[in-house]
Amino acid sequence: MKIKRLIAVVLAALFCFTLSGCDVLQTDFSGLIAAPKLEGDMYPVQQALEAWAGEDITLKYPVSGDYRSAFIMTDVNSDGFTEAVAFYSVTADSAVTMHINIIANRGDEWKSMGDLSLVANDVESVSFSDLDGDGSKEIIVGWMVYGSIDKQVGVYSFTKDTLTQRVLEKYTNFTCADLNSDDMPDLTVVYLNSTDKVASAKVISFKDDGIAEIGSVGLDGNVSSYSTPVVAPLKNGAAALYIDAVKGSGMITEIIWFEDTLLKSLISPTTMENTVTYRLSAVSSRDFSGDGVIDIPLLELLPSTAESDEADKVYITNWCDFDGNKMEVCASTFMNYSDGYCLTIPDSWKNSIHLTRKTESRLRVFYHYDINTGTYGEEMFRIIAVASADKDKRDEYTEEGYTLLLDGESLTYLAKVNEPNSINLDINTLESIFRIIK
């Protein structure tokens, strides 16, 4: 009843502010209403936490990752019983202290078994992994100390009813993976110091003989942000960590892997930059070929557009695999991200084709190009995308000699091939090299 009255007061205040003609009302109501009590079997868990920490706490919910609850129920120590991993904050003298608390059922009663704290504002993510091979899961927590830039990753163990902090490291990204092929996951921490333009990666191992840094390597410090790390093999089968990073108006892909016992990256020891995977636009890496290896998109200027204005230049995307020593092209494509499709092309097309884009009408026209004279003329084929719901437009193009390539959920793709042509292309071949970008 008290909460209902409080909500009514808040709504009334909002109504008054609205009538007063204020342009912007920025109000944080998170401190006005306490978090709702858990219900059913979960209520004793919250009672146990409040018995330990008091009721004047704020439950904290991880902002990303697979676990988004302030109470995460899991069997942490592999004893066959579920524990609760709880997160909350306490504010004293304007300073916020974050807490991780383990609550376990002992004698048909939930009790707090351990509590650790640090100065932070929020929980970014939580994950679990058996890092030391003892059968129990370590709790890996990304703490947001001051916003989303200054962060620390903590590793915690709960064994013999004791909660212990194992590691606390600054991070920008982190992941748990077996990069050194010893059948044990390790903690890989990537940290970017944007002020000093320095970046690095380190791998921390948790073994019976203790915690050790088993590898560290420099990364390109001239980047501004990272994408989520992806664990995938190199072309030679070795495990690696791939991380796309924005660099200026373009992008690079950092690759981190072990060669014997040495952690390696693509950074140049002289320039301290990764130029190997740099591309002009922010095109993300992906498993383009479907073989499990992450392919790096490197851009190659289409020769026929070399003298064109920047807006009219066309780039071929060479999807490249890395084998630990060199990049190898596994596919070359024309990518049309705005219309959601691409064409996989043979090398012979690169010097004998010209492309013009008519973006507003979703049309791409391909011409024959003579690299010796630098001229183009014969139209070989064209592809157009129309709204799938626009049946009249689709029928109109069909009457003009277009053939249906693919009928998608939102767009339908049609093509017209002029035969014969200099690249011996027919509609069946065009269908075989056409694919939707997923």
Protein backbone atom coordinates (compact mmCIF):
# COMPACT_ATOMS: atom_id res chain seq x y z
CA MET A 1 0.00 0.00 0.00
CA LYS A 2 2.86 2.38 0.80
CA ILE A 3 4.43 1.70 -2.61
CA LYS A 4 1.10 2.44 -4.35
CA ARG A 5 0.82 5.77 -2.50
CA LEU A 6 4.44 6.63 -3.41
CA ILE A 7 3.83 5.88 -7.08
CA ALA A 8 0.74 8.07 -7.00
CA VAL A 9 2.77 10.95 -5.53
CA VAL A 10 5.46 10.56 -8.19
CA LEU A 11 2.88 10.51 -11.01
CA ALA A 12 1.19 13.58 -9.60
CA ALA A 13 4.51 15.39 -9.45
CA LEU A 14 5.23 14.45 -13.04
CA PHE A 15 1.81 15.77 -14.09
CA CYS A 16 2.51 19.09 -12.39
CA PHE A 17 5.88 19.40 -14.09
CA THR A 18 4.25 18.69 -17.44
CA LEU A 19 1.72 21.48 -16.97
CA SER A 20 4.42 23.93 -15.94
CA GLY A 21 5.88 23.85 -19.47
CA CYS A 22 9.37 22.62 -18.60
CA ASP A 23 11.30 21.56 -21.70
CA VAL A 24 13.18 18.59 -20.19
CA LEU A 25 12.64 16.69 -16.95
CA GLN A 26 15.55 14.46 -16.04
CA THR A 27 14.78 12.52 -12.88
CA ASP A 28 16.23 9.27 -11.51
CA PHE A 29 13.57 7.36 -9.56
CA SER A 30 15.74 4.27 -8.94
CA GLY A 31 16.35 5.30 -5.33
CA LEU A 32 12.68 6.05 -4.54
CA ILE A 33 11.25 2.55 -4.82
CA ALA A 34 12.99 -0.45 -3.27
CA ALA A 35 13.53 -3.57 -5.33
CA PRO A 36 10.47 -5.88 -5.14
CA LYS A 37 10.70 -8.86 -2.82
CA LEU A 38 11.37 -12.18 -4.48
CA GLU A 39 8.49 -14.62 -4.34
CA GLY A 40 8.04 -18.34 -3.67
CA ASP A 41 11.18 -20.43 -3.22
CA MET A 42 13.37 -17.39 -3.92
CA TYR A 43 12.05 -15.29 -1.03
CA PRO A 44 14.20 -17.05 1.64
CA VAL A 45 17.27 -16.35 -0.52
CA GLN A 46 16.61 -12.60 -0.39
CA GLN A 47 15.85 -12.87 3.32
CA ALA A 48 19.26 -14.50 3.85
CA LEU A 49 20.99 -11.70 1.98
CA GLU A 50 19.16 -9.01 3.96
CA ALA A 51 19.96 -10.82 7.20
CA TRP A 52 23.63 -10.47 6.26
CA ALA A 53 23.73 -7.03 4.62
CA GLY A 54 20.60 -5.35 5.94
CA GLU A 55 17.64 -4.06 3.97
CA ASP A 56 19.28 -0.77 2.97
CA ILE A 57 20.95 -2.26 -0.11
CA THR A 58 20.46 -1.96 -3.85
CA LEU A 59 20.32 -5.17 -5.86
CA LYS A 60 22.55 -4.97 -8.93
CA TYR A 61 21.72 -6.63 -12.23
CA PRO A 62 24.47 -7.46 -14.78
CA VAL A 63 24.00 -5.21 -17.80
CA SER A 64 25.19 -7.73 -20.42
CA GLY A 65 25.97 -11.41 -20.90
CA ASP A 66 23.96 -14.58 -20.32
CA TYR A 67 23.16 -13.84 -16.67
CA ARG A 68 21.06 -10.74 -15.97
CA SER A 69 19.67 -11.44 -12.49
CA ALA A 70 20.81 -10.01 -9.16
CA PHE A 71 20.48 -13.59 -7.84
CA ILE A 72 22.08 -16.21 -10.09
CA MET A 73 21.12 -19.75 -9.11
CA THR A 74 23.76 -22.37 -9.94
CA ASP A 75 25.78 -25.16 -8.35
CA VAL A 76 29.03 -23.23 -8.01
CA ASN A 77 31.08 -25.77 -6.03
CA SER A 78 29.72 -28.95 -7.66
CA ASP A 79 28.36 -30.34 -4.39
CA GLY A 80 25.05 -31.28 -5.98
CA PHE A 81 23.17 -28.34 -4.41
CA THR A 82 22.27 -25.00 -5.90
CA GLU A 83 23.81 -21.83 -4.51
CA ALA A 84 22.79 -18.23 -5.13
CA VAL A 85 25.37 -15.74 -6.36
CA ALA A 86 24.05 -12.32 -5.37
CA PHE A 87 25.14 -8.80 -6.31
CA TYR A 88 24.28 -5.65 -4.45
CA SER A 89 25.65 -2.21 -3.64
CA VAL A 90 25.84 -0.11 -0.51
CA THR A 91 26.20 3.66 -0.55
CA ALA A 92 27.94 5.44 2.33
CA ASP A 93 29.14 9.05 2.27
CA SER A 94 28.42 9.19 -1.50
CA ALA A 95 30.81 6.28 -2.14
CA VAL A 96 29.36 3.18 -3.79
CA THR A 97 30.66 -0.22 -2.76
CA MET A 98 29.77 -3.28 -4.82
CA HIS A 99 29.40 -6.71 -3.24
CA ILE A 100 29.35 -10.31 -4.39
CA ASN A 101 27.69 -12.68 -1.93
CA ILE A 102 27.27 -16.47 -1.90
CA ILE A 103 24.08 -17.80 -0.32
CA ALA A 104 23.77 -21.55 0.28
CA ASN A 105 21.20 -23.84 1.84
CA ARG A 106 22.52 -25.31 5.07
CA GLY A 107 20.21 -27.40 7.26
CA ASP A 108 17.08 -26.40 5.29
CA GLU A 109 17.97 -22.74 5.81
CA TRP A 110 19.50 -20.28 3.36
CA LYS A 111 22.56 -18.53 4.76
CA SER A 112 25.15 -16.09 3.48
CA MET A 113 28.40 -18.03 3.29
CA GLY A 114 30.72 -15.29 2.06
CA ASP A 115 30.81 -11.67 0.97
CA LEU A 116 33.51 -9.69 -0.85
CA SER A 117 33.44 -6.04 -1.87
CA LEU A 118 35.21 -3.47 -4.01
CA VAL A 119 34.70 0.12 -5.07
CA ALA A 120 32.65 0.00 -8.29
CA ASN A 121 29.40 1.29 -9.74
CA ASP A 122 27.91 -1.67 -11.56
CA VAL A 123 28.23 -5.24 -12.80
CA GLU A 124 28.88 -5.53 -16.52
CA SER A 125 28.73 -9.31 -16.89
CA VAL A 126 28.98 -12.60 -15.03
CA SER A 127 30.17 -15.97 -16.32
CA PHE A 128 31.25 -19.32 -14.89
CA SER A 129 34.15 -21.58 -15.87
CA ASP A 130 36.20 -24.27 -14.15
CA LEU A 131 39.57 -22.60 -14.60
CA ASP A 132 41.66 -24.73 -12.26
CA GLY A 133 40.24 -28.15 -13.09
CA ASP A 134 39.00 -28.98 -9.58
CA GLY A 135 35.42 -29.63 -10.71
CA SER A 136 34.07 -26.40 -9.20
CA LYS A 137 33.22 -23.36 -11.28
CA GLU A 138 35.04 -20.08 -10.84
CA ILE A 139 32.84 -16.98 -10.90
CA ILE A 140 34.14 -14.40 -13.39
CA VAL A 141 32.71 -10.92 -12.84
CA GLY A 142 33.24 -7.82 -14.92
CA TRP A 143 32.99 -4.83 -12.59
CA MET A 144 32.31 -1.35 -13.96
CA VAL A 145 34.35 0.92 -11.70
CA TYR A 146 33.72 4.32 -13.29
CA GLY A 147 31.28 3.91 -16.12
CA SER A 148 32.03 1.58 -19.02
CA ILE A 149 35.67 2.65 -19.52
CA ASP A 150 37.39 1.90 -16.20
CA LYS A 151 36.62 -1.76 -15.52
CA GLN A 152 38.06 -4.67 -13.55
CA VAL A 153 37.53 -8.38 -13.98
CA GLY A 154 37.46 -10.43 -10.79
CA VAL A 155 37.77 -14.22 -10.53
CA TYR A 156 36.24 -15.83 -7.44
CA SER A 157 36.19 -19.39 -6.07
CA PHE A 158 33.73 -20.87 -3.60
CA THR A 159 35.22 -23.96 -1.98
CA LYS A 160 34.87 -25.36 1.55
CA ASP A 161 32.17 -22.77 2.20
CA THR A 162 34.68 -19.96 1.63
CA LEU A 163 34.44 -17.25 -1.03
CA THR A 164 37.90 -16.23 -2.27
CA GLN A 165 39.07 -13.63 -4.75
CA ARG A 166 41.69 -15.15 -7.04
CA VAL A 167 42.41 -12.36 -9.52
CA LEU A 168 41.47 -8.71 -10.05
CA GLU A 169 42.64 -7.16 -13.34
CA LYS A 170 41.89 -4.06 -15.39
CA TYR A 171 40.17 -4.99 -18.65
CA THR A 172 38.44 -3.76 -21.73
CA ASN A 173 37.45 -7.25 -22.87
CA PHE A 174 37.98 -10.67 -21.38
CA THR A 175 37.15 -14.25 -22.23
CA CYS A 176 37.76 -17.76 -20.89
CA ALA A 177 39.22 -20.10 -23.50
CA ASP A 178 41.87 -22.75 -24.04
CA LEU A 179 44.34 -20.94 -26.30
CA ASN A 180 47.42 -23.02 -25.44
CA SER A 181 45.76 -26.40 -26.18
CA ASP A 182 46.29 -27.93 -22.72
CA ASP A 183 42.58 -28.83 -22.40
CA MET A 184 42.12 -26.21 -19.66
CA PRO A 185 40.43 -22.82 -20.10
CA ASP A 186 42.46 -19.76 -19.15
CA LEU A 187 41.47 -16.15 -18.58
CA THR A 188 42.49 -13.88 -21.47
CA VAL A 189 42.34 -10.18 -20.58
CA VAL A 190 42.53 -7.41 -23.19
CA TYR A 191 43.15 -3.89 -21.93
CA LEU A 192 43.15 -0.66 -23.93
CA ASN A 193 44.60 2.49 -22.36
CA SER A 194 43.05 5.08 -24.66
CA THR A 195 44.88 7.97 -23.00
CA ASP A 196 48.34 6.59 -23.62
CA LYS A 197 47.27 4.70 -26.81
CA VAL A 198 48.65 1.44 -25.48
CA ALA A 199 46.90 -1.93 -25.64
CA SER A 200 47.85 -5.42 -24.58
CA ALA A 201 46.57 -8.93 -23.98
CA LYS A 202 47.57 -11.35 -21.25
CA VAL A 203 46.65 -14.95 -20.57
CA ILE A 204 46.31 -16.01 -16.91
CA SER A 205 46.39 -19.70 -16.02
CA PHE A 206 44.83 -21.23 -12.90
CA LYS A 207 46.58 -24.49 -12.08
CA ASP A 208 47.20 -26.66 -9.02
CA ASP A 209 50.58 -24.99 -8.61
CA GLY A 210 49.07 -21.51 -8.49
CA ILE A 211 48.05 -18.60 -10.68
CA ALA A 212 50.47 -17.55 -13.38
CA GLU A 213 50.60 -15.23 -16.36
CA ILE A 214 51.58 -17.62 -19.17
CA GLY A 215 51.70 -15.06 -21.95
CA SER A 216 51.40 -11.37 -22.77
CA VAL A 217 51.58 -9.47 -26.03
CA GLY A 218 51.12 -5.91 -27.31
CA LEU A 219 48.15 -4.87 -29.42
CA ASP A 220 47.41 -1.82 -31.55
CA GLY A 221 46.76 1.08 -29.16
CA ASN A 222 45.37 3.36 -31.87
CA VAL A 223 41.91 1.83 -31.75
CA SER A 224 38.87 3.34 -30.07
CA SER A 225 36.71 0.32 -29.24
CA TYR A 226 36.50 -3.47 -29.41
CA SER A 227 33.81 -5.88 -30.49
CA THR A 228 33.04 -9.04 -28.52
CA PRO A 229 35.99 -11.48 -28.75
CA VAL A 230 35.45 -14.68 -30.74
CA VAL A 231 37.35 -17.92 -30.09
CA ALA A 232 37.96 -19.89 -33.30
CA PRO A 233 40.79 -21.82 -34.94
CA LEU A 234 43.42 -20.42 -37.26
CA LYS A 235 43.66 -21.98 -40.70
CA ASN A 236 46.28 -24.38 -39.29
CA GLY A 237 43.88 -25.53 -36.57
CA ALA A 238 45.52 -23.72 -33.62
CA ALA A 239 43.14 -21.95 -31.22
CA ALA A 240 42.99 -18.17 -31.50
CA LEU A 241 41.12 -15.15 -30.22
CA TYR A 242 39.72 -12.76 -32.85
CA ILE A 243 38.69 -9.22 -31.85
CA ASP A 244 37.44 -6.58 -34.29
CA ALA A 245 38.46 -3.07 -33.30
CA VAL A 246 37.49 0.33 -34.70
CA LYS A 247 40.52 2.26 -35.88
CA GLY A 248 39.83 5.74 -37.21
CA SER A 249 37.13 5.42 -39.85
CA GLY A 250 38.16 1.85 -40.55
CA MET A 251 38.65 -1.38 -38.66
CA ILE A 252 41.24 -4.00 -37.80
CA THR A 253 40.99 -7.53 -36.46
CA GLU A 254 43.34 -8.41 -33.64
CA ILE A 255 44.34 -12.09 -33.64
CA ILE A 256 45.90 -13.57 -30.50
CA TRP A 257 47.35 -17.08 -30.46
CA PHE A 258 50.11 -19.22 -29.02
CA GLU A 259 53.09 -20.38 -31.07
CA ASP A 260 54.64 -23.06 -28.89
CA THR A 261 54.68 -21.27 -25.52
CA LEU A 262 54.84 -17.71 -26.89
CA LEU A 263 51.72 -15.56 -27.08
CA LYS A 264 51.60 -13.71 -30.40
CA SER A 265 49.63 -11.00 -32.18
CA LEU A 266 49.79 -9.15 -35.50
CA ILE A 267 51.35 -6.00 -34.08
CA SER A 268 54.49 -4.69 -35.80
CA PRO A 269 57.43 -4.51 -33.35
CA THR A 270 58.63 -1.31 -35.05
CA THR A 271 55.40 0.69 -35.46
CA MET A 272 53.40 -1.03 -32.69
CA GLU A 273 50.43 -1.10 -35.06
CA ASN A 274 48.41 -3.82 -36.72
CA THR A 275 48.40 -2.95 -40.42
CA VAL A 276 47.93 -6.54 -41.60
CA THR A 277 44.15 -6.57 -41.12
CA TYR A 278 43.34 -2.88 -41.59
CA ARG A 279 40.46 -2.03 -43.92
CA LEU A 280 39.06 1.38 -44.83
CA SER A 281 35.51 0.73 -43.69
CA ALA A 282 34.11 -0.88 -40.55
CA VAL A 283 33.44 -4.30 -42.08
CA SER A 284 33.36 -7.02 -39.41
CA SER A 285 35.19 -10.31 -39.65
CA ARG A 286 33.10 -13.49 -39.76
CA ASP A 287 33.15 -17.13 -40.80
CA PHE A 288 32.25 -16.28 -44.38
CA SER A 289 33.26 -19.64 -45.86
CA GLY A 290 31.48 -21.71 -43.20
CA ASP A 291 34.52 -23.80 -42.24
CA GLY A 292 34.77 -22.62 -38.62
CA VAL A 293 37.73 -20.29 -39.32
CA ILE A 294 37.15 -16.55 -38.94
CA ASP A 295 37.68 -14.80 -42.28
CA ILE A 296 39.19 -11.31 -42.31
CA PRO A 297 37.65 -8.89 -44.87
CA LEU A 298 40.46 -7.03 -46.64
CA LEU A 299 39.47 -4.51 -49.28
CA GLU A 300 40.92 -4.30 -52.79
CA LEU A 301 40.09 -1.39 -55.08
CA LEU A 302 38.35 -2.43 -58.29
CA PRO A 303 40.81 -1.33 -61.01
CA SER A 304 38.08 0.19 -63.17
CA THR A 305 37.20 2.69 -60.42
CA ALA A 306 40.76 3.69 -59.46
CA GLU A 307 40.40 7.11 -61.11
CA SER A 308 36.84 7.71 -59.94
CA ASP A 309 35.74 10.13 -57.24
CA GLU A 310 35.86 8.62 -53.77
CA ALA A 311 32.08 8.19 -53.64
CA ASP A 312 32.17 6.16 -56.86
CA LYS A 313 35.05 3.88 -55.97
CA VAL A 314 34.19 0.19 -55.67
CA TYR A 315 36.04 -2.28 -53.49
CA ILE A 316 36.28 -6.02 -53.76
CA THR A 317 36.23 -7.76 -50.40
CA ASN A 318 38.86 -10.49 -50.11
CA TRP A 319 37.94 -12.82 -47.25
CA CYS A 320 41.26 -14.02 -45.83
CA ASP A 321 42.25 -16.81 -43.45
CA PHE A 322 45.32 -16.55 -41.22
CA ASP A 323 47.47 -19.64 -40.66
CA GLY A 324 49.87 -18.20 -38.09
CA ASN A 325 52.24 -16.85 -40.74
CA LYS A 326 50.34 -15.34 -43.64
CA MET A 327 46.93 -14.32 -44.91
CA GLU A 328 45.38 -16.45 -47.65
CA VAL A 329 42.34 -15.39 -49.70
CA CYS A 330 39.54 -17.93 -49.46
CA ALA A 331 36.89 -15.92 -51.35
CA SER A 332 36.55 -12.63 -53.23
CA THR A 333 33.22 -10.86 -53.25
CA PHE A 334 31.23 -7.84 -54.30
CA MET A 335 29.38 -6.90 -51.09
CA ASN A 336 26.12 -4.96 -51.23
CA TYR A 337 25.38 -4.34 -47.56
CA SER A 338 22.55 -1.87 -48.20
CA ASP A 339 20.53 -4.48 -50.10
CA GLY A 340 21.80 -7.46 -48.16
CA TYR A 341 23.52 -9.63 -50.76
CA CYS A 342 26.91 -10.43 -52.24
CA LEU A 343 28.48 -12.10 -55.28
CA THR A 344 31.42 -14.47 -54.98
CA ILE A 345 33.68 -13.80 -57.96
CA PRO A 346 36.71 -15.47 -59.59
CA ASP A 347 40.04 -13.61 -59.75
CA SER A 348 39.66 -13.18 -63.52
CA TRP A 349 36.77 -10.78 -62.98
CA LYS A 350 38.81 -8.26 -61.02
CA ASN A 351 40.50 -6.76 -64.09
CA SER A 352 37.67 -7.25 -66.57
CA ILE A 353 34.59 -5.85 -64.88
CA HIS A 354 33.19 -2.46 -63.94
CA LEU A 355 30.34 -1.78 -61.53
CA THR A 356 28.01 1.18 -61.26
CA ARG A 357 25.66 1.68 -58.33
CA LYS A 358 22.21 3.24 -58.46
CA THR A 359 21.51 3.15 -54.77
CA GLU A 360 18.11 4.84 -54.73
CA SER A 361 16.65 2.28 -57.15
CA ARG A 362 18.59 -0.63 -55.56
CA LEU A 363 20.23 -1.39 -58.89
CA ARG A 364 23.77 -2.64 -59.63
CA VAL A 365 24.96 -2.77 -63.26
CA PHE A 366 28.08 -4.70 -64.29
CA TYR A 367 30.00 -3.84 -67.48
CA HIS A 368 32.94 -5.34 -69.33
CA TYR A 369 36.18 -3.46 -68.61
CA ASP A 370 39.31 -3.35 -70.76
CA ILE A 371 42.21 -2.83 -68.36
CA ASN A 372 44.61 -2.10 -71.25
CA THR A 373 42.63 0.87 -72.54
CA GLY A 374 40.97 1.80 -69.26
CA THR A 375 37.52 1.83 -70.85
CA TYR A 376 34.30 -0.04 -70.28
CA GLY A 377 31.33 -0.59 -72.55
CA GLU A 378 29.33 -3.82 -72.86
CA GLU A 379 26.75 -4.35 -70.16
CA MET A 380 27.00 -7.96 -68.98
CA PHE A 381 24.39 -8.23 -66.22
CA ARG A 382 22.40 -6.27 -63.67
CA ILE A 383 20.79 -7.04 -60.32
CA ILE A 384 17.92 -5.18 -58.73
CA ALA A 385 16.19 -5.52 -55.37
CA VAL A 386 12.49 -4.69 -54.91
CA ALA A 387 10.19 -4.88 -51.93
CA SER A 388 8.81 -8.40 -51.66
CA ALA A 389 5.35 -6.97 -50.99
CA ASP A 390 5.41 -5.01 -54.27
CA LYS A 391 4.16 -7.74 -56.61
CA ASP A 392 3.35 -5.28 -59.39
CA LYS A 393 6.95 -4.01 -59.51
CA ARG A 394 8.26 -7.56 -59.50
CA ASP A 395 5.97 -8.49 -62.41
CA GLU A 396 7.06 -5.36 -64.25
CA TYR A 397 10.72 -6.33 -64.10
CA THR A 398 9.91 -9.91 -65.08
CA GLU A 399 8.20 -8.60 -68.21
CA GLU A 400 11.38 -6.61 -68.97
CA GLY A 401 13.42 -9.82 -69.06
CA TYR A 402 14.57 -10.09 -65.44
CA THR A 403 14.82 -13.52 -63.80
CA LEU A 404 14.04 -14.17 -60.16
CA LEU A 405 17.22 -14.87 -58.17
CA LEU A 406 15.74 -15.12 -54.70
CA ASP A 407 12.47 -14.21 -53.04
CA GLY A 408 13.39 -12.95 -49.58
CA GLU A 409 11.25 -12.00 -46.61
CA SER A 410 11.54 -8.26 -47.18
CA LEU A 411 13.36 -7.97 -50.53
CA THR A 412 13.10 -9.88 -53.78
CA TYR A 413 16.17 -10.06 -56.01
CA LEU A 414 16.00 -10.17 -59.79
CA ALA A 415 18.70 -10.22 -62.46
CA LYS A 416 19.08 -9.79 -66.20
CA VAL A 417 22.04 -11.29 -68.04
CA ASN A 418 23.05 -10.18 -71.52
CA GLU A 419 24.32 -13.21 -73.43
CA PRO A 420 26.79 -13.82 -74.85
CA ASN A 421 29.25 -11.77 -72.79
CA SER A 422 33.00 -11.58 -72.30
CA ILE A 423 33.02 -13.48 -68.98
CA ASN A 424 30.79 -16.32 -70.27
CA LEU A 425 28.21 -15.68 -67.58
CA ASP A 426 24.69 -17.11 -67.74
CA ILE A 427 21.80 -16.85 -65.30
CA ASN A 428 22.55 -20.27 -63.75
CA THR A 429 26.13 -19.23 -62.94
CA LEU A 430 24.89 -15.94 -61.51
CA GLU A 431 22.46 -17.81 -59.25
CA SER A 432 25.32 -20.01 -58.00
CA ILE A 433 27.50 -17.06 -56.95
CA PHE A 434 24.66 -14.99 -55.42
CA ARG A 435 24.05 -15.23 -51.66
CA ILE A 436 22.28 -13.35 -48.92
CA ILE A 437 24.44 -11.64 -46.29
CA LYS A 438 23.47 -13.01 -42.88
